[in-house]
Protein backbone atom coordinates (compact mmCIF):
# COMPACT_ATOMS: atom_id res chain seq x y z
CA UNK A 1 -0.10 -0.04 -0.08
CA UNK A 2 1.29 3.47 -0.93
CA UNK A 3 0.33 6.80 0.84
CA UNK A 4 0.93 10.24 -0.01
CA UNK A 5 1.05 12.90 2.84
CA UNK A 6 1.02 16.59 2.01
CA UNK A 7 1.67 19.45 4.30
CA UNK A 8 2.42 23.20 4.17
CA UNK A 9 -0.73 24.70 2.98
CA UNK A 10 -2.51 27.86 4.95
CA UNK A 11 -3.56 31.32 4.70
CA UNK A 12 -1.20 33.89 3.06
CA UNK A 13 -1.38 37.56 1.93
CA UNK A 14 -1.09 38.35 -1.72
CA UNK A 15 2.60 38.40 -2.74
CA UNK A 16 3.46 36.35 0.11
CA UNK A 17 5.09 32.53 -0.19
CA UNK A 18 4.36 29.14 0.90
CA UNK A 19 6.01 25.67 0.43
CA UNK A 20 3.99 22.44 -0.08
CA UNK A 21 5.60 19.09 0.62
CA UNK A 22 4.25 15.78 -0.22
CA UNK A 23 5.88 12.44 1.04
CA UNK A 24 5.21 9.10 -0.27
CA UNK A 25 5.48 5.94 1.90
CA UNK A 26 4.58 2.40 1.75
CA UNK A 27 5.44 -0.13 -0.96
CA UNK A 28 7.56 1.64 -3.32
CA UNK A 29 9.97 0.29 -5.72
CA UNK A 30 10.17 3.27 -8.13
CA UNK A 31 8.46 6.69 -8.62
CA UNK A 32 8.14 8.30 -12.18
CA UNK A 33 6.42 11.62 -12.74
CA UNK A 34 5.48 13.62 -9.50
CA UNK A 35 3.22 16.70 -10.00
CA UNK A 36 1.06 19.19 -8.18
CA UNK A 37 -2.57 19.78 -9.23
CA UNK A 38 -5.25 22.16 -7.82
CA UNK A 39 -8.94 22.67 -7.72
CA UNK A 40 -10.59 26.10 -7.13
CA UNK A 41 -14.49 26.09 -6.07
CA UNK A 42 -16.62 25.50 -8.93
CA UNK A 43 -13.63 24.52 -11.36
CA UNK A 44 -12.09 21.55 -12.80
CA UNK A 45 -8.83 20.13 -11.29
CA UNK A 46 -5.83 21.57 -13.17
CA UNK A 47 -2.09 20.61 -13.36
CA UNK A 48 0.11 23.14 -11.86
CA UNK A 49 3.47 21.68 -12.31
CA UNK A 50 4.93 18.10 -12.95
CA UNK A 51 8.45 16.76 -12.63
CA UNK A 52 9.80 13.40 -14.07
CA UNK A 53 12.30 11.26 -12.48
CA UNK A 54 15.09 12.90 -14.25
CA UNK A 55 14.18 16.32 -12.93
CA UNK A 56 12.56 17.74 -16.16
CA UNK A 57 9.78 20.12 -15.19
CA UNK A 58 6.73 21.65 -16.82
CA UNK A 59 4.32 24.31 -15.49
CA UNK A 60 0.95 25.67 -16.34
CA UNK A 61 1.41 29.20 -18.00
CA UNK A 62 -0.43 31.04 -14.99
CA UNK A 63 2.25 29.94 -12.43
CA UNK A 64 5.53 30.10 -14.63
CA UNK A 65 8.34 32.26 -12.86
CA UNK A 66 6.40 32.16 -9.65
CA UNK A 67 6.25 28.59 -8.59
CA UNK A 68 9.00 25.92 -8.57
CA UNK A 69 8.70 22.17 -8.17
CA UNK A 70 11.50 19.98 -6.97
CA UNK A 71 11.95 16.61 -5.82
CA UNK A 72 14.17 14.58 -3.34
CA UNK A 73 14.34 11.06 -4.47
CA UNK A 74 16.28 9.76 -1.53
CA UNK A 75 13.09 10.88 0.65
CA UNK A 76 10.37 10.18 -2.03
CA UNK A 77 9.31 13.86 -1.54
CA UNK A 78 8.03 16.45 -4.02
CA UNK A 79 7.97 19.98 -3.06
CA UNK A 80 6.20 23.05 -4.53
CA UNK A 81 7.69 26.49 -3.69
CA UNK A 82 5.04 29.15 -4.33
CA UNK A 83 6.08 32.75 -4.47
CA UNK A 84 4.33 36.03 -5.49
CA UNK A 85 0.96 34.26 -4.55
CA UNK A 86 -2.01 35.97 -6.01
CA UNK A 87 -5.83 35.39 -4.72
CA UNK A 88 -6.23 33.43 -8.13
CA UNK A 89 -4.04 30.90 -6.81
CA UNK A 90 -6.43 30.01 -3.92
CA UNK A 91 -7.50 26.27 -4.13
CA UNK A 92 -6.98 22.91 -2.86
CA UNK A 93 -3.79 21.52 -3.84
CA UNK A 94 -3.13 17.93 -4.34
CA UNK A 95 -0.07 15.90 -4.84
CA UNK A 96 -0.05 13.23 -7.56
CA UNK A 97 2.80 10.31 -8.06
CA UNK A 98 3.00 7.40 -10.47
CA UNK A 99 4.58 4.54 -8.43
CA UNK A 100 5.44 0.99 -9.17
CA UNK A 101 5.52 -1.26 -6.21
CA UNK A 102 7.57 -4.00 -7.53
CA UNK A 103 9.96 -4.49 -10.41
CA UNK A 104 8.46 -4.70 -13.98
CA UNK A 105 5.10 -3.48 -12.59
CA UNK A 106 3.29 -0.69 -14.14
CA UNK A 107 3.27 2.37 -12.47
CA UNK A 108 -0.10 3.28 -10.71
CA UNK A 109 -1.40 6.98 -10.08
CA UNK A 110 -1.55 7.82 -6.25
CA UNK A 111 -3.00 11.15 -4.71
CA UNK A 112 -2.45 13.13 -1.76
CA UNK A 113 -5.45 14.25 0.40
CA UNK A 114 -5.28 17.68 -0.49
CA UNK A 115 -4.20 20.79 1.28
CA UNK A 116 -5.97 24.20 1.41
CA UNK A 117 -4.22 27.18 -0.02
CA UNK A 118 -5.89 30.43 0.56
CA UNK A 119 -4.64 33.83 -0.63
CA UNK A 120 -6.29 36.68 0.76
CA UNK A 121 -5.54 40.04 2.63
């Protein structure tokens, strides 16, 4: 069994910063891509940032230059550093990871429980 546990959300003023963390634990053989998604009230969940096992990253246009995704493979952890936050960044943020529990097994998608980020004065 695999678990993703997120931390780091909260309330911040516009222009402020937050750092989200997501640690994977359990039966893990390998982790492919890891990413952060968000869902605002009344909107569909969208991909915010993704990082593959080699460290290549991709971001949604609205966060480029403000957010940075990184990972620590030794700790099975992915981070999202969010700077210059705007009210439109307010959402529940979910981490996602593609994890294989055994050699030669296809990776399955796992999700964290979500953490609320609220940007407001």
